[in-house]
Amino acid sequence: MAGQVEKLVLRVSSISFVNLPDEQGPGVHLQFSGSDSKDEVRLNGYIPVTQMEYFAHAQSLESLVELVREKVLAKFEPDQEESAAE
Protein backbone atom coordinates (compact mmCIF):
# COMPACT_ATOMS: atom_id res chain seq x y z
CA MET A 1 0.00 0.00 0.00
CA ALA A 2 2.78 2.45 0.89
CA GLY A 3 4.34 1.95 -2.54
CA GLN A 4 1.12 3.09 -4.19
CA VAL A 5 0.99 6.23 -2.06
CA GLU A 6 4.54 7.10 -3.08
CA LYS A 7 3.43 7.07 -6.75
CA LEU A 8 0.44 9.39 -6.27
CA VAL A 9 0.58 12.89 -7.67
CA LEU A 10 -0.27 15.03 -4.62
CA ARG A 11 -1.45 18.63 -4.50
CA VAL A 12 -1.87 20.90 -1.48
CA SER A 13 -5.19 22.67 -1.97
CA SER A 14 -5.45 24.77 1.19
CA ILE A 15 -3.66 25.65 4.39
CA SER A 16 -5.55 26.37 7.62
CA PHE A 17 -4.04 27.57 10.87
CA VAL A 18 -5.77 25.79 13.77
CA ASN A 19 -5.39 24.82 17.39
CA LEU A 20 -4.40 21.17 17.55
CA PRO A 21 -6.21 18.89 20.02
CA ASP A 22 -4.79 17.51 23.28
CA GLU A 23 -3.00 20.74 24.21
CA GLN A 24 -0.55 20.35 21.32
CA GLY A 25 -0.88 24.06 20.68
CA PRO A 26 -1.12 25.92 17.40
CA GLY A 27 -0.89 23.87 14.23
CA VAL A 28 -1.72 23.72 10.56
CA HIS A 29 -4.08 21.54 8.54
CA LEU A 30 -2.72 20.85 5.06
CA GLN A 31 -5.68 19.96 2.84
CA PHE A 32 -4.57 17.79 -0.07
CA SER A 33 -5.73 15.69 -2.98
CA GLY A 34 -3.91 13.07 -4.98
CA SER A 35 -4.41 10.67 -7.84
CA ASP A 36 -2.48 8.04 -9.74
CA SER A 37 -1.18 8.68 -13.26
CA LYS A 38 -4.35 7.19 -14.83
CA ASP A 39 -6.67 9.11 -12.48
CA GLU A 40 -8.20 5.80 -11.35
CA VAL A 41 -7.19 6.01 -7.68
CA ARG A 42 -7.86 9.17 -5.69
CA LEU A 43 -6.98 10.21 -2.18
CA ASN A 44 -7.90 13.40 -0.36
CA GLY A 45 -8.11 14.79 3.13
CA TYR A 46 -5.99 16.84 5.46
CA ILE A 47 -2.86 16.24 7.46
CA PRO A 48 -2.36 18.05 10.78
CA VAL A 49 1.17 19.32 11.37
CA THR A 50 2.75 21.58 13.93
CA GLN A 51 3.53 25.16 13.02
CA MET A 52 7.22 24.28 13.35
CA GLU A 53 6.86 21.53 10.73
CA TYR A 54 4.87 23.84 8.47
CA PHE A 55 7.37 26.71 8.59
CA ALA A 56 10.26 24.29 8.04
CA HIS A 57 8.64 23.33 4.70
CA ALA A 58 6.89 26.58 3.75
CA GLN A 59 9.68 27.76 1.46
CA SER A 60 8.13 25.91 -1.50
CA LEU A 61 4.99 24.09 -2.51
CA GLU A 62 7.09 21.05 -3.46
CA SER A 63 8.44 20.87 0.08
CA LEU A 64 4.91 21.03 1.52
CA VAL A 65 3.82 18.23 -0.84
CA GLU A 66 6.70 16.08 0.38
CA LEU A 67 5.70 16.78 4.00
CA VAL A 68 2.15 15.66 3.16
CA ARG A 69 3.48 12.53 1.43
CA GLU A 70 5.65 11.69 4.45
CA LYS A 71 2.71 12.13 6.86
CA VAL A 72 0.31 10.13 4.66
CA LEU A 73 2.82 7.27 4.39
CA ALA A 74 3.19 7.28 8.18
CA LYS A 75 -0.59 6.77 8.47
CA PHE A 76 -0.23 3.43 6.65
CA GLU A 77 2.61 2.15 8.84
CA PRO A 78 1.67 0.00 11.84
CA ASP A 79 1.76 1.84 15.16
CA GLN A 80 4.56 0.90 17.51
CA GLU A 81 1.96 0.37 20.24
CA GLU A 82 -0.01 -2.06 18.06
CA SER A 83 3.16 -4.02 17.24
CA ALA A 84 4.11 -4.26 20.92
CA ALA A 85 0.66 -5.55 21.87
CA GLU A 86 0.87 -8.49 19.45
C-alpha atoms as a PDB file:
ATOM      1  CA  MET A   1       0.000   0.000   0.000  1.00  0.00           C
ATOM      2  CA  ALA A   2       2.778   2.448   0.886  1.00  0.00           C
ATOM      3  CA  GLY A   3       4.344   1.948  -2.539  1.00  0.00           C
ATOM      4  CA  GLN A   4       1.118   3.088  -4.194  1.00  0.00           C
ATOM      5  CA  VAL A   5       0.987   6.230  -2.058  1.00  0.00           C
ATOM      6  CA  GLU A   6       4.536   7.099  -3.083  1.00  0.00           C
ATOM      7  CA  LYS A   7       3.431   7.072  -6.750  1.00  0.00           C
ATOM      8  CA  LEU A   8       0.437   9.394  -6.272  1.00  0.00           C
ATOM      9  CA  VAL A   9       0.581  12.891  -7.674  1.00  0.00           C
ATOM     10  CA  LEU A  10      -0.266  15.029  -4.621  1.00  0.00           C
ATOM     11  CA  ARG A  11      -1.451  18.634  -4.497  1.00  0.00           C
ATOM     12  CA  VAL A  12      -1.872  20.897  -1.481  1.00  0.00           C
ATOM     13  CA  SER A  13      -5.188  22.675  -1.974  1.00  0.00           C
ATOM     14  CA  SER A  14      -5.447  24.774   1.187  1.00  0.00           C
ATOM     15  CA  ILE A  15      -3.662  25.655   4.388  1.00  0.00           C
ATOM     16  CA  SER A  16      -5.551  26.372   7.621  1.00  0.00           C
ATOM     17  CA  PHE A  17      -4.035  27.566  10.867  1.00  0.00           C
ATOM     18  CA  VAL A  18      -5.772  25.792  13.768  1.00  0.00           C
ATOM     19  CA  ASN A  19      -5.394  24.823  17.389  1.00  0.00           C
ATOM     20  CA  LEU A  20      -4.397  21.168  17.546  1.00  0.00           C
ATOM     21  CA  PRO A  21      -6.209  18.886  20.022  1.00  0.00           C
ATOM     22  CA  ASP A  22      -4.791  17.507  23.283  1.00  0.00           C
ATOM     23  CA  GLU A  23      -2.998  20.735  24.208  1.00  0.00           C
ATOM     24  CA  GLN A  24      -0.549  20.351  21.319  1.00  0.00           C
ATOM     25  CA  GLY A  25      -0.882  24.062  20.680  1.00  0.00           C
ATOM     26  CA  PRO A  26      -1.118  25.922  17.396  1.00  0.00           C
ATOM     27  CA  GLY A  27      -0.891  23.874  14.231  1.00  0.00           C
ATOM     28  CA  VAL A  28      -1.715  23.721  10.561  1.00  0.00           C
ATOM     29  CA  HIS A  29      -4.083  21.538   8.542  1.00  0.00           C
ATOM     30  CA  LEU A  30      -2.722  20.852   5.055  1.00  0.00           C
ATOM     31  CA  GLN A  31      -5.684  19.964   2.843  1.00  0.00           C
ATOM     32  CA  PHE A  32      -4.565  17.789  -0.067  1.00  0.00           C
ATOM     33  CA  SER A  33      -5.729  15.688  -2.981  1.00  0.00           C
ATOM     34  CA  GLY A  34      -3.915  13.074  -4.980  1.00  0.00           C
ATOM     35  CA  SER A  35      -4.411  10.669  -7.844  1.00  0.00           C
ATOM     36  CA  ASP A  36      -2.484   8.043  -9.738  1.00  0.00           C
ATOM     37  CA  SER A  37      -1.185   8.677 -13.262  1.00  0.00           C
ATOM     38  CA  LYS A  38      -4.351   7.186 -14.829  1.00  0.00           C
ATOM     39  CA  ASP A  39      -6.670   9.107 -12.477  1.00  0.00           C
ATOM     40  CA  GLU A  40      -8.199   5.800 -11.354  1.00  0.00           C
ATOM     41  CA  VAL A  41      -7.191   6.006  -7.684  1.00  0.00           C
ATOM     42  CA  ARG A  42      -7.858   9.167  -5.693  1.00  0.00           C
ATOM     43  CA  LEU A  43      -6.980  10.205  -2.177  1.00  0.00           C
ATOM     44  CA  ASN A  44      -7.898  13.404  -0.356  1.00  0.00           C
ATOM     45  CA  GLY A  45      -8.112  14.786   3.131  1.00  0.00           C
ATOM     46  CA  TYR A  46      -5.991  16.843   5.457  1.00  0.00           C
ATOM     47  CA  ILE A  47      -2.863  16.241   7.463  1.00  0.00           C
ATOM     48  CA  PRO A  48      -2.363  18.046  10.779  1.00  0.00           C
ATOM     49  CA  VAL A  49       1.169  19.325  11.366  1.00  0.00           C
ATOM     50  CA  THR A  50       2.755  21.575  13.932  1.00  0.00           C
ATOM     51  CA  GLN A  51       3.531  25.159  13.022  1.00  0.00           C
ATOM     52  CA  MET A  52       7.217  24.282  13.354  1.00  0.00           C
ATOM     53  CA  GLU A  53       6.855  21.530  10.734  1.00  0.00           C
ATOM     54  CA  TYR A  54       4.867  23.838   8.471  1.00  0.00           C
ATOM     55  CA  PHE A  55       7.365  26.706   8.595  1.00  0.00           C
ATOM     56  CA  ALA A  56      10.265  24.287   8.041  1.00  0.00           C
ATOM     57  CA  HIS A  57       8.638  23.331   4.703  1.00  0.00           C
ATOM     58  CA  ALA A  58       6.892  26.584   3.749  1.00  0.00           C
ATOM     59  CA  GLN A  59       9.685  27.763   1.459  1.00  0.00           C
ATOM     60  CA  SER A  60       8.134  25.910  -1.504  1.00  0.00           C
ATOM     61  CA  LEU A  61       4.988  24.087  -2.507  1.00  0.00           C
ATOM     62  CA  GLU A  62       7.092  21.051  -3.458  1.00  0.00           C
ATOM     63  CA  SER A  63       8.443  20.874   0.083  1.00  0.00           C
ATOM     64  CA  LEU A  64       4.905  21.031   1.519  1.00  0.00           C
ATOM     65  CA  VAL A  65       3.818  18.228  -0.837  1.00  0.00           C
ATOM     66  CA  GLU A  66       6.705  16.076   0.378  1.00  0.00           C
ATOM     67  CA  LEU A  67       5.696  16.784   3.995  1.00  0.00           C
ATOM     68  CA  VAL A  68       2.147  15.662   3.163  1.00  0.00           C
ATOM     69  CA  ARG A  69       3.484  12.528   1.426  1.00  0.00           C
ATOM     70  CA  GLU A  70       5.647  11.687   4.454  1.00  0.00           C
ATOM     71  CA  LYS A  71       2.713  12.131   6.857  1.00  0.00           C
ATOM     72  CA  VAL A  72       0.312  10.132   4.657  1.00  0.00           C
ATOM     73  CA  LEU A  73       2.824   7.268   4.386  1.00  0.00           C
ATOM     74  CA  ALA A  74       3.188   7.280   8.178  1.00  0.00           C
ATOM     75  CA  LYS A  75      -0.591   6.767   8.466  1.00  0.00           C
ATOM     76  CA  PHE A  76      -0.233   3.433   6.650  1.00  0.00           C
ATOM     77  CA  GLU A  77       2.606   2.154   8.845  1.00  0.00           C
ATOM     78  CA  PRO A  78       1.672  -0.003  11.842  1.00  0.00           C
ATOM     79  CA  ASP A  79       1.762   1.839  15.155  1.00  0.00           C
ATOM     80  CA  GLN A  80       4.563   0.899  17.509  1.00  0.00           C
ATOM     81  CA  GLU A  81       1.957   0.365  20.244  1.00  0.00           C
ATOM     82  CA  GLU A  82      -0.013  -2.063  18.061  1.00  0.00           C
ATOM     83  CA  SER A  83       3.161  -4.022  17.243  1.00  0.00           C
ATOM     84  CA  ALA A  84       4.113  -4.263  20.917  1.00  0.00           C
ATOM     85  CA  ALA A  85       0.656  -5.549  21.869  1.00  0.00           C
ATOM     86  CA  GLU A  86       0.872  -8.485  19.449  1.00  0.00           C
END
